[in-house]
Amino acid sequence: MERKKLIAKFVEIASEKMGKDLETVDEENTFKELGFDSIDVIDLVMFFEDEFALRIEDEEISKIRKVKDLIDIVIKKLEEIDDEVSEG
């Protein structure tokens, strides 16, 4: 999935499911700058896990500081799933 689509999905999830009012988001924004606390980030990760049927490990979650960090992890996980399907 393209980065732009994942960022749009992030804005959609943050707005619709979490009640955050985000008009513009830059990948370099930290979650703190966007008004997210650590619980919000965990909730956001869980929404992405459910949406894309993937698992993000706790050690990966602890490294998420910016929107870019989350998008990078989701892309990596989706590529791993795609590779498994291709090999299987």
C-alpha atoms as a PDB file:
ATOM      1  CA  MET A   1       0.000   0.000   0.000  1.00  0.00           C
ATOM      2  CA  GLU A   2       1.259   3.473  -0.839  1.00  0.00           C
ATOM      3  CA  ARG A   3       2.511   5.790   1.893  1.00  0.00           C
ATOM      4  CA  LYS A   4      -0.027   8.470   0.929  1.00  0.00           C
ATOM      5  CA  LYS A   5      -2.881   6.004   1.354  1.00  0.00           C
ATOM      6  CA  LEU A   6      -1.561   4.903   4.746  1.00  0.00           C
ATOM      7  CA  ILE A   7      -1.272   8.510   5.900  1.00  0.00           C
ATOM      8  CA  ALA A   8      -4.847   9.108   4.712  1.00  0.00           C
ATOM      9  CA  LYS A   9      -5.915   5.997   6.658  1.00  0.00           C
ATOM     10  CA  PHE A  10      -4.099   7.365   9.723  1.00  0.00           C
ATOM     11  CA  VAL A  11      -6.020  10.658   9.452  1.00  0.00           C
ATOM     12  CA  GLU A  12      -9.284   8.746   8.944  1.00  0.00           C
ATOM     13  CA  ILE A  13      -8.708   6.524  11.987  1.00  0.00           C
ATOM     14  CA  ALA A  14      -7.540   9.422  14.146  1.00  0.00           C
ATOM     15  CA  SER A  15     -10.543  11.538  13.155  1.00  0.00           C
ATOM     16  CA  GLU A  16     -13.375   9.024  13.029  1.00  0.00           C
ATOM     17  CA  LYS A  17     -12.397   6.530  15.697  1.00  0.00           C
ATOM     18  CA  MET A  18     -10.387   8.662  18.109  1.00  0.00           C
ATOM     19  CA  GLY A  19     -12.068  12.050  17.768  1.00  0.00           C
ATOM     20  CA  LYS A  20      -8.867  13.903  16.827  1.00  0.00           C
ATOM     21  CA  ASP A  21      -9.288  16.925  14.568  1.00  0.00           C
ATOM     22  CA  LEU A  22      -6.416  16.604  12.115  1.00  0.00           C
ATOM     23  CA  GLU A  23      -6.536  18.765   9.013  1.00  0.00           C
ATOM     24  CA  THR A  24      -2.969  18.307   7.879  1.00  0.00           C
ATOM     25  CA  VAL A  25      -0.447  15.707   8.910  1.00  0.00           C
ATOM     26  CA  ASP A  26       3.213  15.537   8.041  1.00  0.00           C
ATOM     27  CA  GLU A  27       5.089  12.273   8.475  1.00  0.00           C
ATOM     28  CA  GLU A  28       7.635  14.097  10.598  1.00  0.00           C
ATOM     29  CA  ASN A  29       4.994  15.207  13.120  1.00  0.00           C
ATOM     30  CA  THR A  30       5.453  13.592  16.493  1.00  0.00           C
ATOM     31  CA  PHE A  31       2.384  12.126  18.106  1.00  0.00           C
ATOM     32  CA  LYS A  32       2.902  14.547  20.987  1.00  0.00           C
ATOM     33  CA  GLU A  33       2.700  17.484  18.548  1.00  0.00           C
ATOM     34  CA  LEU A  34      -0.601  16.067  17.275  1.00  0.00           C
ATOM     35  CA  GLY A  35      -2.045  15.789  20.782  1.00  0.00           C
ATOM     36  CA  PHE A  36      -1.663  12.030  21.218  1.00  0.00           C
ATOM     37  CA  ASP A  37      -0.553  10.488  24.500  1.00  0.00           C
ATOM     38  CA  SER A  38       0.959   7.001  24.828  1.00  0.00           C
ATOM     39  CA  ILE A  39      -2.452   5.359  25.265  1.00  0.00           C
ATOM     40  CA  ASP A  40      -3.690   7.066  22.080  1.00  0.00           C
ATOM     41  CA  VAL A  41      -0.696   5.657  20.190  1.00  0.00           C
ATOM     42  CA  ILE A  42      -1.450   2.139  21.455  1.00  0.00           C
ATOM     43  CA  ASP A  43      -5.102   2.548  20.425  1.00  0.00           C
ATOM     44  CA  LEU A  44      -3.993   3.755  17.009  1.00  0.00           C
ATOM     45  CA  VAL A  45      -1.684   0.754  16.609  1.00  0.00           C
ATOM     46  CA  MET A  46      -4.559  -1.573  17.513  1.00  0.00           C
ATOM     47  CA  PHE A  47      -6.790   0.054  14.883  1.00  0.00           C
ATOM     48  CA  PHE A  48      -4.068  -0.503  12.260  1.00  0.00           C
ATOM     49  CA  GLU A  49      -3.603  -4.104  13.411  1.00  0.00           C
ATOM     50  CA  ASP A  50      -7.334  -4.743  13.034  1.00  0.00           C
ATOM     51  CA  GLU A  51      -7.635  -2.876   9.743  1.00  0.00           C
ATOM     52  CA  PHE A  52      -4.780  -4.740   8.049  1.00  0.00           C
ATOM     53  CA  ALA A  53      -4.789  -8.045   9.999  1.00  0.00           C
ATOM     54  CA  LEU A  54      -1.225  -7.637  11.215  1.00  0.00           C
ATOM     55  CA  ARG A  55       0.634  -7.767  14.525  1.00  0.00           C
ATOM     56  CA  ILE A  56       2.950  -5.021  15.744  1.00  0.00           C
ATOM     57  CA  GLU A  57       5.205  -6.173  18.571  1.00  0.00           C
ATOM     58  CA  ASP A  58       5.509  -4.255  21.852  1.00  0.00           C
ATOM     59  CA  GLU A  59       9.186  -3.507  21.199  1.00  0.00           C
ATOM     60  CA  GLU A  60       8.215  -1.906  17.876  1.00  0.00           C
ATOM     61  CA  ILE A  61       5.433   0.109  19.509  1.00  0.00           C
ATOM     62  CA  SER A  62       7.883   1.512  22.056  1.00  0.00           C
ATOM     63  CA  LYS A  63       9.928   3.021  19.195  1.00  0.00           C
ATOM     64  CA  ILE A  64       6.997   4.897  17.634  1.00  0.00           C
ATOM     65  CA  ARG A  65       7.447   8.639  18.109  1.00  0.00           C
ATOM     66  CA  LYS A  66       6.445  10.121  14.755  1.00  0.00           C
ATOM     67  CA  VAL A  67       3.745   9.396  12.195  1.00  0.00           C
ATOM     68  CA  LYS A  68       6.575   8.200   9.940  1.00  0.00           C
ATOM     69  CA  ASP A  69       7.578   5.550  12.488  1.00  0.00           C
ATOM     70  CA  LEU A  70       4.106   4.020  12.495  1.00  0.00           C
ATOM     71  CA  ILE A  71       3.772   4.158   8.701  1.00  0.00           C
ATOM     72  CA  ASP A  72       7.204   2.512   8.266  1.00  0.00           C
ATOM     73  CA  ILE A  73       6.245  -0.340  10.599  1.00  0.00           C
ATOM     74  CA  VAL A  74       2.888  -0.903   8.886  1.00  0.00           C
ATOM     75  CA  ILE A  75       4.545  -0.951   5.441  1.00  0.00           C
ATOM     76  CA  LYS A  76       7.170  -3.419   6.705  1.00  0.00           C
ATOM     77  CA  LYS A  77       4.493  -5.705   8.168  1.00  0.00           C
ATOM     78  CA  LEU A  78       2.385  -5.563   4.994  1.00  0.00           C
ATOM     79  CA  GLU A  79       5.461  -6.433   2.908  1.00  0.00           C
ATOM     80  CA  GLU A  80       6.200  -9.393   5.209  1.00  0.00           C
ATOM     81  CA  ILE A  81       2.629 -10.647   4.783  1.00  0.00           C
ATOM     82  CA  ASP A  82       2.866 -10.174   1.013  1.00  0.00           C
ATOM     83  CA  ASP A  83       6.157 -12.114   0.929  1.00  0.00           C
ATOM     84  CA  GLU A  84       4.612 -14.971   2.924  1.00  0.00           C
ATOM     85  CA  VAL A  85       1.675 -15.155   0.523  1.00  0.00           C
ATOM     86  CA  SER A  86       4.012 -15.091  -2.494  1.00  0.00           C
ATOM     87  CA  GLU A  87       6.165 -17.882  -1.068  1.00  0.00           C
ATOM     88  CA  GLY A  88       3.206 -20.007   0.057  1.00  0.00           C
END
